Amino acid sequence: AALEGNQIIRKYSDITNGRRSLYYLTQKGIDLVPVVLELMHWMSVYNP
């Protein structure tokens, strides 16, 4: 809910099952890819 409220993700109804929701990244969420990859890389450098 918080990620959706901050427009980082969007929720859509699943067209194959109307009771289920699916979550997708917005452009704002996709723009976080470098941050997430850098965090992963940083930890891999300092923790084998």
All heavy atoms as atom14 arrays in JSON, in Angstrom:
{
  "sequence": "AALEGNQIIRKYSDITNGRRSLYYLTQKGIDLVPVVLELMHWMSVYNP",
  "atom14_mask": [
    [1, 1, 1, 1, 1, 0, 0, 0, 0, 0, 0, 0, 0, 0],
    [1, 1, 1, 1, 1, 0, 0, 0, 0, 0, 0, 0, 0, 0],
    [1, 1, 1, 1, 1, 1, 1, 1, 0, 0, 0, 0, 0, 0],
    [1, 1, 1, 1, 1, 1, 1, 1, 1, 0, 0, 0, 0, 0],
    [1, 1, 1, 1, 0, 0, 0, 0, 0, 0, 0, 0, 0, 0],
    [1, 1, 1, 1, 1, 1, 1, 1, 0, 0, 0, 0, 0, 0],
    [1, 1, 1, 1, 1, 1, 1, 1, 1, 0, 0, 0, 0, 0],
    [1, 1, 1, 1, 1, 1, 1, 1, 0, 0, 0, 0, 0, 0],
    [1, 1, 1, 1, 1, 1, 1, 1, 0, 0, 0, 0, 0, 0],
    [1, 1, 1, 1, 1, 1, 1, 1, 1, 1, 1, 0, 0, 0],
    [1, 1, 1, 1, 1, 1, 1, 1, 1, 0, 0, 0, 0, 0],
    [1, 1, 1, 1, 1, 1, 1, 1, 1, 1, 1, 1, 0, 0],
    [1, 1, 1, 1, 1, 1, 0, 0, 0, 0, 0, 0, 0, 0],
    [1, 1, 1, 1, 1, 1, 1, 1, 0, 0, 0, 0, 0, 0],
    [1, 1, 1, 1, 1, 1, 1, 1, 0, 0, 0, 0, 0, 0],
    [1, 1, 1, 1, 1, 1, 1, 0, 0, 0, 0, 0, 0, 0],
    [1, 1, 1, 1, 1, 1, 1, 1, 0, 0, 0, 0, 0, 0],
    [1, 1, 1, 1, 0, 0, 0, 0, 0, 0, 0, 0, 0, 0],
    [1, 1, 1, 1, 1, 1, 1, 1, 1, 1, 1, 0, 0, 0],
    [1, 1, 1, 1, 1, 1, 1, 1, 1, 1, 1, 0, 0, 0],
    [1, 1, 1, 1, 1, 1, 0, 0, 0, 0, 0, 0, 0, 0],
    [1, 1, 1, 1, 1, 1, 1, 1, 0, 0, 0, 0, 0, 0],
    [1, 1, 1, 1, 1, 1, 1, 1, 1, 1, 1, 1, 0, 0],
    [1, 1, 1, 1, 1, 1, 1, 1, 1, 1, 1, 1, 0, 0],
    [1, 1, 1, 1, 1, 1, 1, 1, 0, 0, 0, 0, 0, 0],
    [1, 1, 1, 1, 1, 1, 1, 0, 0, 0, 0, 0, 0, 0],
    [1, 1, 1, 1, 1, 1, 1, 1, 1, 0, 0, 0, 0, 0],
    [1, 1, 1, 1, 1, 1, 1, 1, 1, 0, 0, 0, 0, 0],
    [1, 1, 1, 1, 0, 0, 0, 0, 0, 0, 0, 0, 0, 0],
    [1, 1, 1, 1, 1, 1, 1, 1, 0, 0, 0, 0, 0, 0],
    [1, 1, 1, 1, 1, 1, 1, 1, 0, 0, 0, 0, 0, 0],
    [1, 1, 1, 1, 1, 1, 1, 1, 0, 0, 0, 0, 0, 0],
    [1, 1, 1, 1, 1, 1, 1, 0, 0, 0, 0, 0, 0, 0],
    [1, 1, 1, 1, 1, 1, 1, 0, 0, 0, 0, 0, 0, 0],
    [1, 1, 1, 1, 1, 1, 1, 0, 0, 0, 0, 0, 0, 0],
    [1, 1, 1, 1, 1, 1, 1, 0, 0, 0, 0, 0, 0, 0],
    [1, 1, 1, 1, 1, 1, 1, 1, 0, 0, 0, 0, 0, 0],
    [1, 1, 1, 1, 1, 1, 1, 1, 1, 0, 0, 0, 0, 0],
    [1, 1, 1, 1, 1, 1, 1, 1, 0, 0, 0, 0, 0, 0],
    [1, 1, 1, 1, 1, 1, 1, 1, 0, 0, 0, 0, 0, 0],
    [1, 1, 1, 1, 1, 1, 1, 1, 1, 1, 0, 0, 0, 0],
    [1, 1, 1, 1, 1, 1, 1, 1, 1, 1, 1, 1, 1, 1],
    [1, 1, 1, 1, 1, 1, 1, 1, 0, 0, 0, 0, 0, 0],
    [1, 1, 1, 1, 1, 1, 0, 0, 0, 0, 0, 0, 0, 0],
    [1, 1, 1, 1, 1, 1, 1, 0, 0, 0, 0, 0, 0, 0],
    [1, 1, 1, 1, 1, 1, 1, 1, 1, 1, 1, 1, 0, 0],
    [1, 1, 1, 1, 1, 1, 1, 1, 0, 0, 0, 0, 0, 0],
    [1, 1, 1, 1, 1, 1, 1, 0, 0, 0, 0, 0, 0, 0]
  ],
  "atom14_positions": [
    [[0.83, -1.21, 0.0], [0.0, 0.0, 0.0], [0.87, 1.26, 0.0], [0.58, 2.22, -0.72], [-0.95, -0.01, 1.19], [0.0, 0.0, 0.0], [0.0, 0.0, 0.0], [0.0, 0.0, 0.0], [0.0, 0.0, 0.0], [0.0, 0.0, 0.0], [0.0, 0.0, 0.0], [0.0, 0.0, 0.0], [0.0, 0.0, 0.0], [0.0, 0.0, 0.0]],
    [[1.93, 1.25, 0.8], [2.82, 2.41, 0.87], [3.55, 2.62, -0.46], [3.65, 3.75, -0.95], [3.82, 2.25, 2.01], [0.0, 0.0, 0.0], [0.0, 0.0, 0.0], [0.0, 0.0, 0.0], [0.0, 0.0, 0.0], [0.0, 0.0, 0.0], [0.0, 0.0, 0.0], [0.0, 0.0, 0.0], [0.0, 0.0, 0.0], [0.0, 0.0, 0.0]],
    [[4.06, 1.54, -1.05], [4.75, 1.65, -2.34], [3.79, 2.14, -3.42], [4.16, 2.95, -4.28], [5.38, 0.32, -2.73], [6.58, -0.12, -1.9], [6.93, -1.57, -2.17], [7.78, 0.79, -2.17], [0.0, 0.0, 0.0], [0.0, 0.0, 0.0], [0.0, 0.0, 0.0], [0.0, 0.0, 0.0], [0.0, 0.0, 0.0], [0.0, 0.0, 0.0]],
    [[2.56, 1.66, -3.38], [1.56, 2.12, -4.34], [1.21, 3.59, -4.08], [1.11, 4.39, -5.01], [0.31, 1.25, -4.26], [-0.7, 1.59, -5.32], [-1.96, 0.74, -5.26], [-2.16, 0.0, -4.28], [-2.75, 0.85, -6.21], [0.0, 0.0, 0.0], [0.0, 0.0, 0.0], [0.0, 0.0, 0.0], [0.0, 0.0, 0.0], [0.0, 0.0, 0.0]],
    [[1.03, 3.95, -2.82], [0.71, 5.33, -2.47], [1.8, 6.3, -2.87], [1.52, 7.45, -3.22], [0.0, 0.0, 0.0], [0.0, 0.0, 0.0], [0.0, 0.0, 0.0], [0.0, 0.0, 0.0], [0.0, 0.0, 0.0], [0.0, 0.0, 0.0], [0.0, 0.0, 0.0], [0.0, 0.0, 0.0], [0.0, 0.0, 0.0], [0.0, 0.0, 0.0]],
    [[3.03, 5.84, -2.84], [4.17, 6.67, -3.26], [4.47, 6.53, -4.75], [5.5, 6.99, -5.23], [5.41, 6.33, -2.43], [5.35, 6.97, -1.07], [5.21, 8.18, -0.95], [5.42, 6.17, -0.02], [0.0, 0.0, 0.0], [0.0, 0.0, 0.0], [0.0, 0.0, 0.0], [0.0, 0.0, 0.0], [0.0, 0.0, 0.0], [0.0, 0.0, 0.0]],
    [[3.57, 5.87, -5.47], [3.63, 5.72, -6.92], [4.92, 5.04, -7.4], [5.45, 5.35, -8.46], [3.42, 7.07, -7.61], [2.08, 7.67, -7.26], [1.88, 9.06, -7.81], [2.8, 9.68, -8.33], [0.68, 9.57, -7.69], [0.0, 0.0, 0.0], [0.0, 0.0, 0.0], [0.0, 0.0, 0.0], [0.0, 0.0, 0.0], [0.0, 0.0, 0.0]],
    [[5.4, 4.09, -6.61], [6.58, 3.3, -6.97], [6.14, 2.0, -7.64], [6.84, 1.48, -8.5], [7.45, 3.04, -5.72], [7.99, 4.39, -5.2], [8.58, 2.07, -6.01], [8.66, 4.32, -3.85], [0.0, 0.0, 0.0], [0.0, 0.0, 0.0], [0.0, 0.0, 0.0], [0.0, 0.0, 0.0], [0.0, 0.0, 0.0], [0.0, 0.0, 0.0]],
    [[4.96, 1.52, -7.27], [4.35, 0.36, -7.92], [2.89, 0.7, -8.24], [2.34, 1.67, -7.72], [4.4, -0.92, -7.04], [3.56, -0.75, -5.77], [5.85, -1.29, -6.71], [3.39, -2.04, -4.97], [0.0, 0.0, 0.0], [0.0, 0.0, 0.0], [0.0, 0.0, 0.0], [0.0, 0.0, 0.0], [0.0, 0.0, 0.0], [0.0, 0.0, 0.0]],
    [[2.3, -0.13, -9.13], [0.87, -0.03, -9.44], [0.25, -1.4, -9.27], [0.88, -2.42, -9.56], [0.66, 0.42, -10.87], [0.89, 1.88, -11.06], [0.22, 2.38, -12.33], [0.64, 3.74, -12.57], [1.41, 4.11, -13.59], [1.78, 3.24, -14.49], [1.76, 5.37, -13.73], [0.0, 0.0, 0.0], [0.0, 0.0, 0.0], [0.0, 0.0, 0.0]],
    [[-1.0, -1.39, -8.83], [-1.75, -2.63, -8.65], [-2.8, -2.72, -9.76], [-3.5, -1.75, -10.03], [-2.41, -2.64, -7.28], [-3.24, -3.86, -7.0], [-3.66, -3.95, -5.54], [-4.76, -2.99, -5.22], [-5.34, -3.24, -3.87], [0.0, 0.0, 0.0], [0.0, 0.0, 0.0], [0.0, 0.0, 0.0], [0.0, 0.0, 0.0], [0.0, 0.0, 0.0]],
    [[-2.88, -3.91, -10.38], [-3.86, -4.17, -11.43], [-4.62, -5.44, -11.08], [-4.06, -6.35, -10.48], [-3.17, -4.38, -12.78], [-2.44, -3.17, -13.3], [-1.11, -2.96, -13.01], [-3.11, -2.25, -14.09], [-0.44, -1.85, -13.49], [-2.45, -1.13, -14.58], [-1.11, -0.94, -14.27], [-0.45, 0.16, -14.74], [0.0, 0.0, 0.0], [0.0, 0.0, 0.0]],
    [[-5.86, -5.51, -11.53], [-6.61, -6.76, -11.39], [-6.07, -7.75, -12.41], [-5.81, -7.39, -13.56], [-8.09, -6.52, -11.66], [-8.65, -5.75, -10.63], [0.0, 0.0, 0.0], [0.0, 0.0, 0.0], [0.0, 0.0, 0.0], [0.0, 0.0, 0.0], [0.0, 0.0, 0.0], [0.0, 0.0, 0.0], [0.0, 0.0, 0.0], [0.0, 0.0, 0.0]],
    [[-5.91, -8.97, -11.98], [-5.46, -10.05, -12.86], [-6.59, -10.38, -13.83], [-7.7, -10.7, -13.4], [-5.1, -11.27, -12.01], [-4.49, -12.4, -12.82], [-4.58, -12.38, -14.07], [-3.94, -13.32, -12.19], [0.0, 0.0, 0.0], [0.0, 0.0, 0.0], [0.0, 0.0, 0.0], [0.0, 0.0, 0.0], [0.0, 0.0, 0.0], [0.0, 0.0, 0.0]],
    [[-6.34, -10.28, -15.13], [-7.41, -10.54, -16.11], [-7.82, -12.0, -16.14], [-8.92, -12.32, -16.58], [-7.01, -10.05, -17.52], [-5.72, -10.72, -18.0], [-6.88, -8.54, -17.56], [-5.39, -10.44, -19.44], [0.0, 0.0, 0.0], [0.0, 0.0, 0.0], [0.0, 0.0, 0.0], [0.0, 0.0, 0.0], [0.0, 0.0, 0.0], [0.0, 0.0, 0.0]],
    [[-6.97, -12.89, -15.65], [-7.32, -14.32, -15.62], [-8.02, -14.72, -14.33], [-8.62, -15.79, -14.26], [-6.06, -15.2, -15.8], [-5.17, -14.99, -14.7], [-5.36, -14.88, -17.12], [0.0, 0.0, 0.0], [0.0, 0.0, 0.0], [0.0, 0.0, 0.0], [0.0, 0.0, 0.0], [0.0, 0.0, 0.0], [0.0, 0.0, 0.0], [0.0, 0.0, 0.0]],
    [[-7.92, -13.88, -13.3], [-8.56, -14.16, -12.01], [-8.87, -12.83, -11.35], [-8.01, -12.22, -10.71], [-7.63, -15.0, -11.13], [-8.2, -15.3, -9.77], [-9.26, -14.81, -9.39], [-7.48, -16.11, -9.01], [0.0, 0.0, 0.0], [0.0, 0.0, 0.0], [0.0, 0.0, 0.0], [0.0, 0.0, 0.0], [0.0, 0.0, 0.0], [0.0, 0.0, 0.0]],
    [[-10.08, -12.36, -11.51], [-10.48, -11.04, -11.03], [-10.34, -10.82, -9.54], [-10.33, -9.69, -9.07], [0.0, 0.0, 0.0], [0.0, 0.0, 0.0], [0.0, 0.0, 0.0], [0.0, 0.0, 0.0], [0.0, 0.0, 0.0], [0.0, 0.0, 0.0], [0.0, 0.0, 0.0], [0.0, 0.0, 0.0], [0.0, 0.0, 0.0], [0.0, 0.0, 0.0]],
    [[-10.23, -11.89, -8.76], [-10.06, -11.75, -7.31], [-8.61, -11.5, -6.93], [-8.31, -11.21, -5.77], [-10.56, -13.01, -6.6], [-12.05, -13.25, -6.79], [-12.47, -14.51, -6.12], [-11.58, -15.6, -6.56], [-11.65, -16.83, -6.15], [-12.54, -17.19, -5.28], [-10.82, -17.75, -6.62], [0.0, 0.0, 0.0], [0.0, 0.0, 0.0], [0.0, 0.0, 0.0]],
    [[-7.72, -11.66, -7.87], [-6.29, -11.53, -7.59], [-5.76, -10.23, -8.18], [-6.14, -9.83, -9.27], [-5.57, -12.73, -8.22], [-4.11, -12.82, -7.91], [-3.56, -14.15, -8.34], [-3.01, -14.04, -9.68], [-2.04, -14.82, -10.14], [-1.55, -15.78, -9.41], [-1.59, -14.64, -11.35], [0.0, 0.0, 0.0], [0.0, 0.0, 0.0], [0.0, 0.0, 0.0]],
    [[-4.86, -9.6, -7.45], [-4.19, -8.39, -7.93], [-2.76, -8.72, -8.3], [-2.14, -9.6, -7.7], [-4.19, -7.31, -6.85], [-5.5, -6.88, -6.58], [0.0, 0.0, 0.0], [0.0, 0.0, 0.0], [0.0, 0.0, 0.0], [0.0, 0.0, 0.0], [0.0, 0.0, 0.0], [0.0, 0.0, 0.0], [0.0, 0.0, 0.0], [0.0, 0.0, 0.0]],
    [[-2.25, -8.0, -9.28], [-0.86, -8.13, -9.7], [-0.18, -6.77, -9.53], [-0.81, -5.73, -9.72], [-0.78, -8.58, -11.16], [-1.46, -9.9, -11.48], [-1.39, -10.18, -12.98], [-0.84, -11.05, -10.69], [0.0, 0.0, 0.0], [0.0, 0.0, 0.0], [0.0, 0.0, 0.0], [0.0, 0.0, 0.0], [0.0, 0.0, 0.0], [0.0, 0.0, 0.0]],
    [[1.07, -6.8, -9.18], [1.83, -5.59, -8.89], [2.92, -5.41, -9.92], [3.63, -6.35, -10.28], [2.42, -5.66, -7.48], [1.34, -5.74, -6.43], [0.85, -6.97, -6.01], [0.79, -4.58, -5.9], [-0.16, -7.05, -5.06], [-0.23, -4.66, -4.96], [-0.7, -5.89, -4.55], [-1.7, -5.95, -3.63], [0.0, 0.0, 0.0], [0.0, 0.0, 0.0]],
    [[3.06, -4.17, -10.39], [4.05, -3.82, -11.4], [4.75, -2.54, -10.99], [4.16, -1.68, -10.33], [3.39, -3.62, -12.76], [2.87, -4.9, -13.35], [1.58, -5.34, -13.07], [3.67, -5.69, -14.15], [1.1, -6.53, -13.59], [3.2, -6.88, -14.68], [1.91, -7.3, -14.39], [1.46, -8.48, -14.9], [0.0, 0.0, 0.0], [0.0, 0.0, 0.0]],
    [[5.99, -2.41, -11.41], [6.75, -1.2, -11.15], [6.25, -0.06, -12.03], [5.85, -0.28, -13.18], [8.23, -1.43, -11.47], [8.95, -2.48, -10.62], [10.27, -2.87, -11.27], [9.16, -1.98, -9.21], [0.0, 0.0, 0.0], [0.0, 0.0, 0.0], [0.0, 0.0, 0.0], [0.0, 0.0, 0.0], [0.0, 0.0, 0.0], [0.0, 0.0, 0.0]],
    [[6.29, 1.14, -11.5], [6.06, 2.35, -12.3], [7.43, 2.81, -12.81], [8.47, 2.23, -12.45], [5.46, 3.46, -11.44], [6.4, 3.78, -10.4], [4.12, 3.05, -10.84], [0.0, 0.0, 0.0], [0.0, 0.0, 0.0], [0.0, 0.0, 0.0], [0.0, 0.0, 0.0], [0.0, 0.0, 0.0], [0.0, 0.0, 0.0], [0.0, 0.0, 0.0]],
    [[7.45, 3.88, -13.58], [8.74, 4.43, -14.01], [9.56, 4.84, -12.79], [10.76, 4.62, -12.74], [8.54, 5.62, -14.94], [9.85, 6.19, -15.47], [10.64, 5.19, -16.29], [10.11, 4.62, -17.24], [11.9, 4.95, -15.93], [0.0, 0.0, 0.0], [0.0, 0.0, 0.0], [0.0, 0.0, 0.0], [0.0, 0.0, 0.0], [0.0, 0.0, 0.0]],
    [[8.89, 5.38, -11.8], [9.56, 5.78, -10.56], [10.21, 4.57, -9.89], [11.32, 4.66, -9.36], [8.52, 6.42, -9.63], [9.05, 7.11, -8.42], [7.89, 7.81, -7.69], [8.32, 8.5, -6.44], [7.17, 9.17, -5.77], [0.0, 0.0, 0.0], [0.0, 0.0, 0.0], [0.0, 0.0, 0.0], [0.0, 0.0, 0.0], [0.0, 0.0, 0.0]],
    [[9.54, 3.43, -9.92], [10.1, 2.2, -9.37], [11.26, 1.67, -10.19], [12.28, 1.24, -9.64], [0.0, 0.0, 0.0], [0.0, 0.0, 0.0], [0.0, 0.0, 0.0], [0.0, 0.0, 0.0], [0.0, 0.0, 0.0], [0.0, 0.0, 0.0], [0.0, 0.0, 0.0], [0.0, 0.0, 0.0], [0.0, 0.0, 0.0], [0.0, 0.0, 0.0]],
    [[11.1, 1.7, -11.5], [12.18, 1.24, -12.38], [13.42, 2.1, -12.2], [14.55, 1.59, -12.24], [11.7, 1.24, -13.85], [10.64, 0.14, -14.04], [12.87, 1.05, -14.82], [9.91, 0.19, -15.37], [0.0, 0.0, 0.0], [0.0, 0.0, 0.0], [0.0, 0.0, 0.0], [0.0, 0.0, 0.0], [0.0, 0.0, 0.0], [0.0, 0.0, 0.0]],
    [[13.23, 3.36, -11.93], [14.38, 4.26, -11.72], [15.16, 3.92, -10.45], [16.26, 4.44, -10.24], [13.92, 5.71, -11.68], [13.56, 6.24, -13.07], [13.97, 5.63, -14.08], [12.86, 7.27, -13.13], [0.0, 0.0, 0.0], [0.0, 0.0, 0.0], [0.0, 0.0, 0.0], [0.0, 0.0, 0.0], [0.0, 0.0, 0.0], [0.0, 0.0, 0.0]],
    [[14.65, 3.02, -9.62], [15.37, 2.57, -8.43], [16.32, 1.4, -8.72], [17.09, 0.99, -7.85], [14.39, 2.16, -7.33], [13.69, 3.31, -6.63], [12.52, 2.8, -5.8], [14.67, 4.09, -5.77], [0.0, 0.0, 0.0], [0.0, 0.0, 0.0], [0.0, 0.0, 0.0], [0.0, 0.0, 0.0], [0.0, 0.0, 0.0], [0.0, 0.0, 0.0]],
    [[16.29, 0.86, -9.93], [17.16, -0.27, -10.29], [18.63, 0.02, -9.97], [19.3, -0.81, -9.35], [16.96, -0.7, -11.75], [18.09, -1.61, -12.23], [15.62, -1.4, -11.91], [0.0, 0.0, 0.0], [0.0, 0.0, 0.0], [0.0, 0.0, 0.0], [0.0, 0.0, 0.0], [0.0, 0.0, 0.0], [0.0, 0.0, 0.0], [0.0, 0.0, 0.0]],
    [[19.19, 1.16, -10.38], [20.61, 1.4, -10.06], [20.89, 1.39, -8.56], [21.92, 0.87, -8.12], [20.89, 2.79, -10.65], [19.82, 3.02, -11.64], [18.62, 2.25, -11.18], [0.0, 0.0, 0.0], [0.0, 0.0, 0.0], [0.0, 0.0, 0.0], [0.0, 0.0, 0.0], [0.0, 0.0, 0.0], [0.0, 0.0, 0.0], [0.0, 0.0, 0.0]],
    [[19.98, 1.92, -7.77], [20.15, 1.96, -6.32], [20.19, 0.55, -5.75], [21.06, 0.19, -4.95], [19.01, 2.78, -5.66], [19.1, 2.72, -4.14], [19.01, 4.21, -6.16], [0.0, 0.0, 0.0], [0.0, 0.0, 0.0], [0.0, 0.0, 0.0], [0.0, 0.0, 0.0], [0.0, 0.0, 0.0], [0.0, 0.0, 0.0], [0.0, 0.0, 0.0]],
    [[19.23, -0.28, -6.17], [19.14, -1.65, -5.66], [20.36, -2.46, -6.09], [20.95, -3.19, -5.28], [17.81, -2.31, -6.11], [17.77, -3.78, -5.74], [16.62, -1.56, -5.49], [0.0, 0.0, 0.0], [0.0, 0.0, 0.0], [0.0, 0.0, 0.0], [0.0, 0.0, 0.0], [0.0, 0.0, 0.0], [0.0, 0.0, 0.0], [0.0, 0.0, 0.0]],
    [[20.77, -2.33, -7.34], [21.97, -3.05, -7.81], [23.22, -2.59, -7.07], [24.06, -3.41, -6.71], [22.14, -2.89, -9.32], [21.23, -3.74, -10.19], [21.34, -3.33, -11.65], [21.55, -5.22, -10.03], [0.0, 0.0, 0.0], [0.0, 0.0, 0.0], [0.0, 0.0, 0.0], [0.0, 0.0, 0.0], [0.0, 0.0, 0.0], [0.0, 0.0, 0.0]],
    [[23.33, -1.31, -6.83], [24.5, -0.8, -6.09], [24.51, -1.33, -4.66], [25.57, -1.67, -4.14], [24.54, 0.73, -6.08], [24.94, 1.34, -7.41], [26.4, 1.13, -7.82], [27.22, 0.63, -7.01], [26.72, 1.45, -8.96], [0.0, 0.0, 0.0], [0.0, 0.0, 0.0], [0.0, 0.0, 0.0], [0.0, 0.0, 0.0], [0.0, 0.0, 0.0]],
    [[23.35, -1.41, -4.0], [23.3, -1.97, -2.65], [23.71, -3.44, -2.65], [24.47, -3.88, -1.78], [21.89, -1.82, -2.06], [21.54, -0.45, -1.52], [20.04, -0.38, -1.2], [22.37, -0.11, -0.29], [0.0, 0.0, 0.0], [0.0, 0.0, 0.0], [0.0, 0.0, 0.0], [0.0, 0.0, 0.0], [0.0, 0.0, 0.0], [0.0, 0.0, 0.0]],
    [[23.23, -4.19, -3.63], [23.62, -5.6, -3.74], [25.13, -5.73, -3.96], [25.79, -6.56, -3.33], [22.9, -6.27, -4.91], [21.44, -6.52, -4.71], [20.88, -7.36, -6.22], [19.16, -7.19, -6.13], [0.0, 0.0, 0.0], [0.0, 0.0, 0.0], [0.0, 0.0, 0.0], [0.0, 0.0, 0.0], [0.0, 0.0, 0.0], [0.0, 0.0, 0.0]],
    [[25.65, -4.91, -4.86], [27.08, -4.95, -5.15], [27.9, -4.56, -3.92], [28.89, -5.22, -3.59], [27.4, -4.02, -6.32], [28.86, -3.93, -6.62], [29.57, -4.97, -7.17], [29.76, -2.94, -6.4], [30.84, -4.62, -7.29], [30.97, -3.39, -6.83], [0.0, 0.0, 0.0], [0.0, 0.0, 0.0], [0.0, 0.0, 0.0], [0.0, 0.0, 0.0]],
    [[27.5, -3.51, -3.25], [28.2, -3.05, -2.06], [28.31, -4.17, -1.03], [29.38, -4.42, -0.47], [27.47, -1.84, -1.49], [28.0, -1.34, -0.19], [29.13, -0.6, 0.01], [27.42, -1.55, 1.1], [29.28, -0.34, 1.35], [28.24, -0.91, 2.04], [26.28, -2.21, 1.55], [27.97, -0.9, 3.41], [26.0, -2.21, 2.91], [26.84, -1.57, 3.83]],
    [[27.22, -4.88, -0.79], [27.25, -5.95, 0.2], [28.11, -7.11, -0.27], [28.83, -7.72, 0.52], [25.83, -6.44, 0.54], [25.81, -7.48, 1.65], [26.79, -7.11, 3.14], [26.05, -5.63, 3.76], [0.0, 0.0, 0.0], [0.0, 0.0, 0.0], [0.0, 0.0, 0.0], [0.0, 0.0, 0.0], [0.0, 0.0, 0.0], [0.0, 0.0, 0.0]],
    [[28.08, -7.41, -1.57], [28.9, -8.52, -2.07], [30.4, -8.22, -1.94], [31.2, -9.12, -1.77], [28.54, -8.86, -3.52], [28.98, -7.86, -4.41], [0.0, 0.0, 0.0], [0.0, 0.0, 0.0], [0.0, 0.0, 0.0], [0.0, 0.0, 0.0], [0.0, 0.0, 0.0], [0.0, 0.0, 0.0], [0.0, 0.0, 0.0], [0.0, 0.0, 0.0]],
    [[30.75, -6.94, -1.99], [32.15, -6.55, -1.82], [32.6, -6.74, -0.38], [33.7, -7.2, -0.11], [32.37, -5.08, -2.27], [33.73, -4.56, -1.82], [32.21, -4.95, -3.77], [0.0, 0.0, 0.0], [0.0, 0.0, 0.0], [0.0, 0.0, 0.0], [0.0, 0.0, 0.0], [0.0, 0.0, 0.0], [0.0, 0.0, 0.0], [0.0, 0.0, 0.0]],
    [[31.72, -6.41, 0.56], [32.1, -6.4, 1.97], [31.66, -7.62, 2.76], [32.01, -7.74, 3.93], [31.6, -5.12, 2.64], [32.36, -3.93, 2.12], [31.81, -3.09, 1.17], [33.66, -3.67, 2.55], [32.52, -2.02, 0.67], [34.38, -2.61, 2.05], [33.81, -1.78, 1.11], [34.52, -0.74, 0.61], [0.0, 0.0, 0.0], [0.0, 0.0, 0.0]],
    [[30.92, -8.51, 2.15], [30.51, -9.72, 2.84], [30.54, -10.89, 1.85], [29.64, -11.0, 1.01], [29.11, -9.58, 3.44], [28.74, -10.75, 4.32], [29.28, -11.84, 4.19], [27.81, -10.53, 5.22], [0.0, 0.0, 0.0], [0.0, 0.0, 0.0], [0.0, 0.0, 0.0], [0.0, 0.0, 0.0], [0.0, 0.0, 0.0], [0.0, 0.0, 0.0]],
    [[31.55, -11.75, 1.96], [31.67, -12.86, 1.01], [30.5, -13.85, 1.08], [30.3, -14.63, 0.16], [32.98, -13.53, 1.41], [33.29, -13.05, 2.78], [32.6, -11.74, 2.96], [0.0, 0.0, 0.0], [0.0, 0.0, 0.0], [0.0, 0.0, 0.0], [0.0, 0.0, 0.0], [0.0, 0.0, 0.0], [0.0, 0.0, 0.0], [0.0, 0.0, 0.0]]
  ]
}
